[in-house]
Amino acid sequence: MHYLKKKPDRREFLRLTALASMGLATPFSSLARMRAINNVLPKPAFPDYKAMVCLFLHGGNDSYNMLMPKSGQAYTDYQTSRSNLAIDSADMLGLEGDVYGLHPNLPDVKTMYDAKELAFITNAGALVEPTTQQQYLDGEASLPLGLFSHLDQFNHLQTAVPDLRSNIGWAGKIADLIGNQNGNTNIPMNVSFSGSNIFQYGLNNSEFSMDSGGPVMPSNWDATWGHNPQRRAAIDSMIHTSYSDMYMSSYTNIFKNAIEGAEEFRAAIVNAYDFNTQFSSHFVSQDLEMIAKTISVQGDLDFQRQIFWIKFHGWDHHDNLLSNHNNYLSVINNALAEFNSALKEINRFDDVATFVVSEFSRKLTSNGNGTDHAWGGNMMAMGGNVKGGDIYGNYPSLALNGPQIIHNGSLIPDTAVDSMFAELAMWYGISVSDLPTLFPNLGNFHNVPMLSPTNLPIGFMNLI
């Protein structure tokens, strides 16, 4: 049945014009409106605790040498495509009855996979819409901006808006939406172990900076030598002074809140759990240890929701791939196993979802001693509510004449990272109605209103 649209009267026209001028149809303005509503009508604190930990492998993880075919024609295709970079089937750690294989330096990852504590999401990447090889070759697909560029793809995985260049991250949007539901509103929901980042930057929120030693304080803040005590006294005086100038007042308030939040955090972390788990000396392990300590005192700090960020740089292996990749995957293997063990010590393994992603994978073909930038790749998720022991998505053919191959060895993703991130957000407590605000392109891949705990975008998380 068709209905004629009634011509709006003057009052309605002015209302629509006002709405349009405020941009209320855009995701960012929708977010601002929701944030304003949340500030006026704050929701009660969450009754439970949940945390997400993003470990970002910056540079482009060669993830088809992380999770590979191990047998049959699929292995033959892999071996042919990868040539001098192929890993021998006999050296791989078998999964799924030796259908697939893990890199030999991931023995603990295999143990967690077999224990159903870790899962893989295969051939995932930044997508604007489902894209076929033919659509790509014919120029008919809407593609991520700056495809194959480190900077652009790194940013796209942080924003989940690959058709725009944005400085608002999806974790920042989550903090804008529900950050005030933490009991502690002095310290931000988002905690970074790698400084400023887009992922955790929102319209009204940014990250709380830490390192493996705890909250990041101003240089020599606690020093008693030289002029440091006088410098600290001067800063204390400055931030406790009232200013009539709006900008001076805003700056000093931000600085003051950061210092007070860091002091509160430092006081709480003294009571952190003393783990039996021994963490390796690499900074990724050390950062994860501090995250585990932070989680152990979440009750003291009155946190119900937290998102942590670690960037592990150095994965751009255009040269010396096999040796470098071996070493880096060992770091990941050890760090995840140690974090897994520590979370179990404090009975928080079910409350934490750790996901390991990279801006893109790398070409299947060798450039001589390394690999170049590509697109779709394999991701990992670990946690007590991860439906582990499975590979989600469609593992692609690695034959160079395969249906998803472009540019002699790059794979078009089957799964949009939007789907993976939306499922994590649902587990975290974000309502389905808010998903389009976080992931504006999600409707290109799913009937969003129909998503539910029993109808998830991928199915790797347990929401029941």
Protein backbone atom coordinates (compact mmCIF):
# COMPACT_ATOMS: atom_id res chain seq x y z
CA MET A 1 0.00 0.00 0.00
CA HIS A 2 1.37 3.45 -0.92
CA TYR A 3 0.73 6.56 1.11
CA LEU A 4 0.94 10.11 -0.17
CA LYS A 5 3.32 12.26 1.79
CA LYS A 6 1.63 15.25 3.34
CA LYS A 7 3.34 18.51 2.54
CA PRO A 8 4.78 19.82 5.83
CA ASP A 9 3.32 23.00 7.22
CA ARG A 10 5.55 25.91 8.23
CA ARG A 11 6.02 24.70 11.80
CA GLU A 12 6.99 21.21 10.66
CA PHE A 13 9.28 22.64 7.99
CA LEU A 14 11.11 24.71 10.59
CA ARG A 15 11.43 21.67 12.87
CA LEU A 16 12.91 19.56 10.08
CA THR A 17 15.24 22.37 9.05
CA ALA A 18 16.47 22.74 12.61
CA LEU A 19 17.11 19.01 12.88
CA ALA A 20 18.97 19.01 9.58
CA SER A 21 21.10 21.97 10.63
CA MET A 22 22.14 20.06 13.74
CA GLY A 23 23.05 17.05 11.64
CA LEU A 24 20.98 14.67 13.73
CA ALA A 25 20.97 12.07 10.98
CA THR A 26 24.71 11.48 11.27
CA PRO A 27 26.22 8.79 13.53
CA PHE A 28 28.41 11.28 15.37
CA SER A 29 25.56 13.66 16.12
CA SER A 30 23.42 10.68 17.17
CA LEU A 31 26.21 9.76 19.54
CA ALA A 32 26.34 13.28 20.91
CA ARG A 33 22.58 13.26 21.44
CA MET A 34 22.69 9.90 23.23
CA ARG A 35 25.58 11.09 25.36
CA ALA A 36 23.61 14.21 26.33
CA ILE A 37 20.61 12.07 27.25
CA ASN A 38 22.83 9.75 29.28
CA ASN A 39 24.23 12.72 31.19
CA VAL A 40 20.75 13.99 32.02
CA LEU A 41 19.33 10.54 32.76
CA PRO A 42 22.30 8.45 33.92
CA LYS A 43 21.73 4.72 34.04
CA PRO A 44 22.58 2.62 37.09
CA ALA A 45 26.00 1.02 37.26
CA PHE A 46 26.41 -2.39 35.69
CA PRO A 47 25.93 -5.22 38.20
CA ASP A 48 28.90 -7.16 36.84
CA TYR A 49 32.42 -6.55 35.54
CA LYS A 50 33.58 -6.95 31.94
CA ALA A 51 36.72 -5.90 30.15
CA MET A 52 37.93 -5.98 26.58
CA VAL A 53 41.63 -6.10 25.75
CA CYS A 54 42.74 -5.16 22.24
CA LEU A 55 46.23 -6.33 21.29
CA PHE A 56 46.99 -4.65 17.97
CA LEU A 57 49.79 -6.12 15.83
CA HIS A 58 50.84 -2.95 14.04
CA GLY A 59 52.50 -3.27 10.66
CA GLY A 60 50.51 -6.11 9.14
CA ASN A 61 50.69 -9.61 10.59
CA ASP A 62 51.41 -12.28 7.96
CA SER A 63 48.51 -14.28 9.37
CA TYR A 64 48.49 -16.89 6.59
CA ASN A 65 51.74 -18.08 8.12
CA MET A 66 50.02 -18.07 11.53
CA LEU A 67 47.00 -20.23 10.64
CA MET A 68 47.49 -22.35 7.53
CA PRO A 69 46.11 -25.40 5.71
CA LYS A 70 48.05 -28.47 6.83
CA SER A 71 46.98 -31.22 4.45
CA GLY A 72 45.52 -32.12 1.07
CA GLN A 73 45.13 -29.83 -1.92
CA ALA A 74 44.68 -26.81 0.34
CA TYR A 75 48.21 -27.34 1.70
CA THR A 76 49.57 -27.83 -1.81
CA ASP A 77 48.01 -24.51 -2.86
CA TYR A 78 49.47 -22.83 0.22
CA GLN A 79 52.93 -24.27 -0.43
CA THR A 80 52.87 -23.21 -4.07
CA SER A 81 51.66 -19.68 -3.36
CA ARG A 82 54.04 -19.06 -0.48
CA SER A 83 57.07 -20.65 -2.21
CA ASN A 84 60.19 -19.98 -0.10
CA LEU A 85 58.08 -18.66 2.80
CA ALA A 86 55.93 -21.80 3.22
CA ILE A 87 56.13 -23.66 6.52
CA ASP A 88 56.53 -27.40 6.22
CA SER A 89 53.38 -29.30 7.10
CA ALA A 90 55.32 -31.56 9.47
CA ASP A 91 56.37 -28.52 11.52
CA MET A 92 52.85 -27.15 11.95
CA LEU A 93 50.78 -27.75 15.08
CA GLY A 94 47.69 -29.58 13.87
CA LEU A 95 44.14 -28.33 14.40
CA GLU A 96 40.83 -29.88 13.41
CA GLY A 97 42.31 -33.30 12.73
CA ASP A 98 45.26 -31.79 10.86
CA VAL A 99 43.04 -29.96 8.38
CA TYR A 100 44.64 -26.73 9.59
CA GLY A 101 47.96 -26.00 11.21
CA LEU A 102 49.32 -23.38 13.56
CA HIS A 103 52.75 -21.82 13.37
CA PRO A 104 55.17 -24.01 15.36
CA ASN A 105 55.92 -21.14 17.76
CA LEU A 106 52.31 -21.09 19.01
CA PRO A 107 52.15 -24.21 21.23
CA ASP A 108 50.27 -22.46 24.05
CA VAL A 109 47.83 -20.94 21.57
CA LYS A 110 47.12 -24.49 20.37
CA THR A 111 46.61 -25.63 23.98
CA MET A 112 44.10 -22.81 24.56
CA TYR A 113 42.38 -23.57 21.25
CA ASP A 114 42.07 -27.25 22.16
CA ALA A 115 40.70 -26.23 25.58
CA LYS A 116 38.04 -24.14 23.79
CA GLU A 117 39.40 -20.92 25.29
CA LEU A 118 40.59 -19.36 22.04
CA ALA A 119 39.10 -19.02 18.57
CA PHE A 120 40.14 -17.73 15.17
CA ILE A 121 38.13 -15.44 12.91
CA THR A 122 39.44 -16.09 9.41
CA ASN A 123 39.85 -13.79 6.42
CA ALA A 124 38.55 -10.70 8.22
CA GLY A 125 39.32 -7.12 7.34
CA ALA A 126 38.05 -3.61 6.77
CA LEU A 127 35.08 -3.61 4.37
CA VAL A 128 32.49 -1.03 3.43
CA GLU A 129 30.19 -3.63 1.89
CA PRO A 130 30.43 -7.28 0.80
CA THR A 131 32.89 -7.32 -2.10
CA THR A 132 33.57 -9.95 -4.74
CA GLN A 133 36.64 -10.34 -6.90
CA GLN A 134 34.69 -9.32 -10.00
CA GLN A 135 33.24 -6.23 -8.34
CA TYR A 136 36.72 -5.21 -7.27
CA LEU A 137 38.24 -5.74 -10.71
CA ASP A 138 35.36 -3.89 -12.40
CA GLY A 139 35.64 -0.96 -9.99
CA GLU A 140 32.07 -1.45 -8.81
CA ALA A 141 32.72 -1.96 -5.11
CA SER A 142 32.80 0.69 -2.39
CA LEU A 143 36.26 0.21 -0.89
CA PRO A 144 38.00 1.35 2.28
CA LEU A 145 39.85 4.61 1.79
CA GLY A 146 43.59 4.17 1.33
CA LEU A 147 43.37 0.41 0.85
CA PHE A 148 46.77 -1.27 1.55
CA SER A 149 48.03 1.88 3.35
CA HIS A 150 49.30 1.33 6.89
CA LEU A 151 47.99 4.62 8.23
CA ASP A 152 44.54 4.34 6.72
CA GLN A 153 43.93 0.67 7.50
CA PHE A 154 45.34 1.09 11.03
CA ASN A 155 42.89 3.91 11.58
CA HIS A 156 39.98 2.04 9.97
CA LEU A 157 40.27 -0.84 12.42
CA GLN A 158 40.19 1.68 15.27
CA THR A 159 37.17 3.59 13.96
CA ALA A 160 35.25 0.84 12.09
CA VAL A 161 34.34 3.51 9.54
CA PRO A 162 36.56 2.61 6.56
CA ASP A 163 34.75 4.89 4.12
CA LEU A 164 35.68 7.96 6.20
CA ARG A 165 38.83 9.32 7.75
CA SER A 166 37.69 9.87 11.31
CA ASN A 167 39.39 10.59 14.61
CA ILE A 168 36.64 8.99 16.71
CA GLY A 169 37.24 5.35 17.69
CA TRP A 170 34.64 2.72 18.42
CA ALA A 171 35.93 2.22 21.97
CA GLY A 172 35.70 5.98 22.42
CA LYS A 173 32.10 5.87 21.25
CA ILE A 174 31.38 3.10 23.76
CA ALA A 175 32.80 5.28 26.54
CA ASP A 176 30.62 8.16 25.35
CA LEU A 177 27.55 5.93 25.52
CA ILE A 178 28.06 4.04 28.77
CA GLY A 179 31.18 5.38 30.48
CA ASN A 180 29.11 7.12 33.14
CA GLN A 181 27.73 3.76 34.22
CA ASN A 182 31.04 3.02 35.90
CA GLY A 183 30.92 3.77 39.59
CA ASN A 184 34.22 5.62 39.22
CA THR A 185 33.75 8.62 36.93
CA ASN A 186 37.12 10.21 37.81
CA ILE A 187 39.15 7.71 35.79
CA PRO A 188 38.19 6.98 32.17
CA MET A 189 36.81 3.62 31.08
CA ASN A 190 39.48 3.33 28.37
CA VAL A 191 43.04 2.55 29.43
CA SER A 192 45.93 2.74 26.96
CA PHE A 193 49.34 1.16 27.31
CA SER A 194 50.48 2.76 24.06
CA GLY A 195 49.74 6.43 24.54
CA SER A 196 47.21 8.44 22.58
CA ASN A 197 45.20 6.55 20.00
CA ILE A 198 42.09 6.94 17.87
CA PHE A 199 40.52 3.67 19.10
CA GLN A 200 39.76 5.07 22.56
CA TYR A 201 39.05 8.67 21.56
CA GLY A 202 35.42 9.77 21.68
CA LEU A 203 33.44 12.97 21.53
CA ASN A 204 33.63 13.36 25.31
CA ASN A 205 36.22 10.79 26.34
CA SER A 206 39.83 9.88 25.77
CA GLU A 207 42.24 7.31 27.12
CA PHE A 208 43.85 7.00 30.55
CA SER A 209 47.55 6.41 29.93
CA MET A 210 49.47 3.70 31.73
CA ASP A 211 52.56 1.60 31.23
CA SER A 212 53.79 -1.61 32.80
CA GLY A 213 54.70 0.35 35.95
CA GLY A 214 51.26 1.89 36.40
CA PRO A 215 49.68 5.26 35.57
CA VAL A 216 51.84 7.62 33.54
CA MET A 217 52.73 10.69 35.61
CA PRO A 218 54.45 13.92 34.54
CA SER A 219 58.19 13.52 34.11
CA ASN A 220 60.04 13.31 37.45
CA TRP A 221 56.79 13.86 39.33
CA ASP A 222 58.02 12.03 42.43
CA ALA A 223 61.66 13.12 42.17
CA THR A 224 63.15 14.88 45.20
CA TRP A 225 66.41 15.97 43.57
CA GLY A 226 67.24 19.27 41.90
CA HIS A 227 64.38 21.64 41.23
CA ASN A 228 61.75 18.92 40.87
CA PRO A 229 60.03 19.61 44.22
CA GLN A 230 59.68 23.30 43.31
CA ARG A 231 58.43 22.39 39.83
CA ARG A 232 55.79 20.08 41.32
CA ALA A 233 54.73 22.76 43.81
CA ALA A 234 54.34 25.24 40.96
CA ILE A 235 52.20 22.79 38.99
CA ASP A 236 50.09 22.08 42.08
CA SER A 237 49.53 25.80 42.54
CA MET A 238 48.60 26.25 38.89
CA ILE A 239 46.04 23.46 38.75
CA HIS A 240 44.37 24.47 42.01
CA THR A 241 43.88 28.09 40.93
CA SER A 242 40.54 29.30 39.54
CA TYR A 243 40.69 30.99 36.14
CA SER A 244 38.12 33.23 34.51
CA ASP A 245 39.46 32.39 31.04
CA MET A 246 37.50 29.40 29.68
CA TYR A 247 40.48 27.80 27.94
CA MET A 248 42.84 28.16 30.89
CA SER A 249 40.18 26.76 33.19
CA SER A 250 39.48 23.79 30.90
CA TYR A 251 43.18 22.97 30.51
CA THR A 252 43.95 23.11 34.21
CA ASN A 253 40.85 21.06 35.08
CA ILE A 254 41.84 18.35 32.61
CA PHE A 255 45.39 18.32 33.95
CA LYS A 256 44.17 18.29 37.54
CA ASN A 257 41.72 15.44 36.92
CA ALA A 258 44.44 13.42 35.18
CA ILE A 259 46.82 13.84 38.12
CA GLU A 260 44.15 13.02 40.70
CA GLY A 261 42.99 10.01 38.73
CA ALA A 262 46.55 8.73 38.43
CA GLU A 263 47.13 9.18 42.16
CA GLU A 264 43.92 7.28 42.92
CA PHE A 265 44.99 4.51 40.55
CA ARG A 266 48.47 4.27 42.06
CA ALA A 267 47.05 4.01 45.56
CA ALA A 268 44.76 1.15 44.52
CA ILE A 269 47.33 -0.80 42.50
CA VAL A 270 49.46 -1.23 45.63
CA ASN A 271 46.83 -3.77 46.72
CA ALA A 272 46.90 -5.67 43.44
CA TYR A 273 46.89 -9.46 43.51
CA ASP A 274 50.33 -11.08 43.79
CA PHE A 275 50.26 -13.53 40.90
CA ASN A 276 51.90 -16.92 40.91
CA THR A 277 52.02 -16.69 37.13
CA GLN A 278 55.44 -15.57 35.94
CA PHE A 279 55.26 -13.04 33.13
CA SER A 280 57.96 -12.77 30.48
CA SER A 281 60.16 -9.69 30.23
CA HIS A 282 58.80 -8.50 26.86
CA PHE A 283 56.75 -5.32 27.12
CA VAL A 284 53.59 -7.02 25.83
CA SER A 285 53.71 -9.53 28.69
CA GLN A 286 54.55 -6.78 31.17
CA ASP A 287 51.63 -4.65 29.98
CA LEU A 288 49.26 -7.60 30.23
CA GLU A 289 50.49 -8.24 33.76
CA MET A 290 49.60 -4.67 34.70
CA ILE A 291 46.19 -5.12 33.07
CA ALA A 292 45.66 -8.25 35.17
CA LYS A 293 46.67 -6.29 38.28
CA THR A 294 44.26 -3.50 37.35
CA ILE A 295 41.45 -6.00 36.91
CA SER A 296 42.28 -7.50 40.31
CA VAL A 297 41.52 -4.14 41.99
CA GLN A 298 38.53 -3.15 39.85
CA GLY A 299 36.36 -3.40 42.96
CA ASP A 300 38.55 -0.93 44.86
CA LEU A 301 38.47 1.46 41.90
CA ASP A 302 34.73 0.89 41.36
CA PHE A 303 34.99 -0.09 37.70
CA GLN A 304 32.33 -2.20 36.04
CA ARG A 305 33.54 -1.78 32.44
CA GLN A 306 37.04 -1.24 31.04
CA ILE A 307 38.69 -1.38 27.61
CA PHE A 308 42.46 -1.80 27.36
CA TRP A 309 44.71 -1.09 24.37
CA ILE A 310 48.19 -2.39 23.59
CA LYS A 311 49.95 -1.68 20.29
CA PHE A 312 52.72 -4.13 19.42
CA HIS A 313 54.58 -2.51 16.54
CA GLY A 314 57.12 -4.01 14.16
CA TRP A 315 55.05 -6.45 12.06
CA ASP A 316 55.83 -4.85 8.68
CA HIS A 317 58.01 -7.69 7.45
CA HIS A 318 58.98 -6.73 3.92
CA ASP A 319 62.26 -8.50 4.64
CA ASN A 320 63.51 -11.36 6.80
CA LEU A 321 59.93 -12.51 7.36
CA LEU A 322 60.47 -16.05 8.60
CA SER A 323 62.94 -15.16 11.35
CA ASN A 324 61.13 -12.02 12.51
CA HIS A 325 57.71 -13.63 12.41
CA ASN A 326 58.99 -16.62 14.39
CA ASN A 327 60.21 -14.32 17.15
CA TYR A 328 57.13 -12.11 17.24
CA LEU A 329 54.69 -15.02 17.34
CA SER A 330 56.63 -16.45 20.28
CA VAL A 331 56.02 -13.18 22.13
CA ILE A 332 52.28 -13.42 21.41
CA ASN A 333 52.15 -17.08 22.42
CA ASN A 334 53.83 -16.44 25.77
CA ALA A 335 51.91 -13.25 26.55
CA LEU A 336 48.47 -14.75 25.87
CA ALA A 337 49.23 -17.88 27.88
CA GLU A 338 50.49 -15.84 30.83
CA PHE A 339 47.49 -13.51 30.74
CA ASN A 340 45.16 -16.50 30.50
CA SER A 341 46.75 -18.03 33.60
CA ALA A 342 46.69 -14.79 35.61
CA LEU A 343 43.03 -14.13 34.88
CA LYS A 344 42.16 -17.60 36.08
CA GLU A 345 44.04 -16.96 39.33
CA ILE A 346 41.67 -14.08 40.12
CA ASN A 347 38.59 -15.83 38.68
CA ARG A 348 38.17 -13.21 35.94
CA PHE A 349 38.79 -15.29 32.81
CA ASP A 350 35.06 -15.38 32.02
CA ASP A 351 34.84 -11.59 32.39
CA VAL A 352 37.57 -10.61 29.91
CA ALA A 353 37.56 -10.83 26.11
CA THR A 354 41.00 -10.43 24.54
CA PHE A 355 41.21 -9.95 20.80
CA VAL A 356 44.31 -9.87 18.60
CA VAL A 357 44.03 -7.98 15.32
CA SER A 358 46.18 -6.30 12.68
CA GLU A 359 45.44 -3.65 10.06
CA PHE A 360 45.85 -6.18 7.25
CA SER A 361 47.54 -9.45 6.41
CA ARG A 362 50.28 -9.74 3.80
CA LYS A 363 50.52 -11.03 0.26
CA LEU A 364 50.79 -14.77 -0.14
CA THR A 365 53.56 -14.31 -2.70
CA SER A 366 57.15 -13.72 -1.64
CA ASN A 367 59.01 -10.58 -2.60
CA GLY A 368 62.24 -12.53 -2.21
CA ASN A 369 62.66 -12.59 1.57
CA GLY A 370 59.48 -11.04 2.86
CA THR A 371 55.93 -10.03 1.95
CA ASP A 372 54.07 -6.87 1.00
CA HIS A 373 50.80 -5.28 2.13
CA ALA A 374 47.55 -7.15 1.49
CA TRP A 375 44.02 -7.12 2.93
CA GLY A 376 42.03 -9.91 4.63
CA GLY A 377 43.69 -11.86 7.45
CA ASN A 378 43.18 -14.10 10.46
CA MET A 379 42.31 -12.69 13.90
CA MET A 380 42.19 -14.27 17.38
CA ALA A 381 39.85 -13.99 20.36
CA MET A 382 40.48 -15.45 23.83
CA GLY A 383 38.33 -15.61 26.95
CA GLY A 384 36.00 -17.65 29.11
CA ASN A 385 33.01 -16.54 27.05
CA VAL A 386 34.75 -17.06 23.72
CA LYS A 387 33.39 -20.17 22.00
CA GLY A 388 36.87 -21.49 21.44
CA GLY A 389 38.20 -24.49 19.59
CA ASP A 390 36.76 -23.28 16.30
CA ILE A 391 37.66 -21.26 13.21
CA TYR A 392 34.86 -18.81 12.34
CA GLY A 393 34.20 -17.59 8.84
CA ASN A 394 35.20 -19.16 5.54
CA TYR A 395 38.85 -20.05 5.33
CA PRO A 396 39.78 -18.98 1.79
CA SER A 397 41.51 -20.87 -0.98
CA LEU A 398 45.16 -19.81 -1.02
CA ALA A 399 45.62 -20.77 -4.67
CA LEU A 400 46.76 -17.74 -6.66
CA ASN A 401 43.86 -18.25 -9.06
CA GLY A 402 41.40 -18.44 -6.17
CA PRO A 403 38.08 -16.55 -6.21
CA GLN A 404 39.17 -13.95 -3.63
CA ILE A 405 42.70 -13.27 -4.86
CA ILE A 406 43.65 -9.86 -6.23
CA HIS A 407 47.02 -8.34 -7.07
CA ASN A 408 48.86 -11.66 -7.16
CA GLY A 409 48.35 -12.73 -3.57
CA SER A 410 46.09 -10.36 -1.63
CA LEU A 411 42.80 -11.77 -0.29
CA ILE A 412 39.49 -9.90 -0.32
CA PRO A 413 38.02 -10.35 3.18
CA ASP A 414 34.94 -12.53 3.66
CA THR A 415 34.18 -11.13 7.11
CA ALA A 416 34.03 -7.43 7.96
CA VAL A 417 35.78 -6.49 11.17
CA ASP A 418 32.53 -4.64 11.94
CA SER A 419 30.93 -8.05 12.56
CA MET A 420 33.67 -9.13 14.95
CA PHE A 421 33.68 -5.83 16.82
CA ALA A 422 29.88 -5.63 17.00
CA GLU A 423 29.74 -9.08 18.60
CA LEU A 424 32.32 -8.05 21.18
CA ALA A 425 30.32 -4.88 21.86
CA MET A 426 27.13 -6.92 22.36
CA TRP A 427 28.91 -9.14 24.88
CA TYR A 428 30.22 -5.98 26.59
CA GLY A 429 26.66 -4.78 27.16
CA ILE A 430 25.94 -2.50 24.21
CA SER A 431 22.33 -2.69 23.04
CA VAL A 432 21.54 -3.73 19.48
CA SER A 433 19.87 -0.36 18.90
CA ASP A 434 23.21 1.39 19.57
CA LEU A 435 25.27 -0.81 17.23
CA PRO A 436 24.70 1.38 14.14
CA THR A 437 26.05 4.35 16.08
CA LEU A 438 29.26 2.44 16.74
CA PHE A 439 29.43 0.65 13.40
CA PRO A 440 27.58 2.67 10.73
CA ASN A 441 28.19 0.11 7.97
CA LEU A 442 27.03 -2.91 9.99
CA GLY A 443 23.70 -2.90 8.15
CA ASN A 444 25.56 -3.65 4.91
CA PHE A 445 26.39 -7.08 6.34
CA HIS A 446 23.55 -7.91 8.73
CA ASN A 447 19.89 -7.22 9.41
CA VAL A 448 20.86 -5.30 12.54
CA PRO A 449 17.44 -5.22 14.30
CA MET A 450 17.37 -9.02 14.12
CA LEU A 451 20.70 -9.44 15.95
CA SER A 452 20.37 -10.99 19.40
CA PRO A 453 22.24 -13.27 21.83
CA THR A 454 20.98 -16.21 19.78
CA ASN A 455 21.54 -14.54 16.40
CA LEU A 456 25.01 -13.06 16.55
CA PRO A 457 26.98 -11.52 13.67
CA ILE A 458 29.56 -14.35 13.73
CA GLY A 459 28.85 -16.59 16.73
CA PHE A 460 32.26 -16.73 18.45
CA MET A 461 31.03 -15.16 21.71
CA ASN A 462 28.72 -16.66 24.31
CA LEU A 463 26.01 -14.17 25.30
CA ILE A 464 23.56 -16.61 26.89
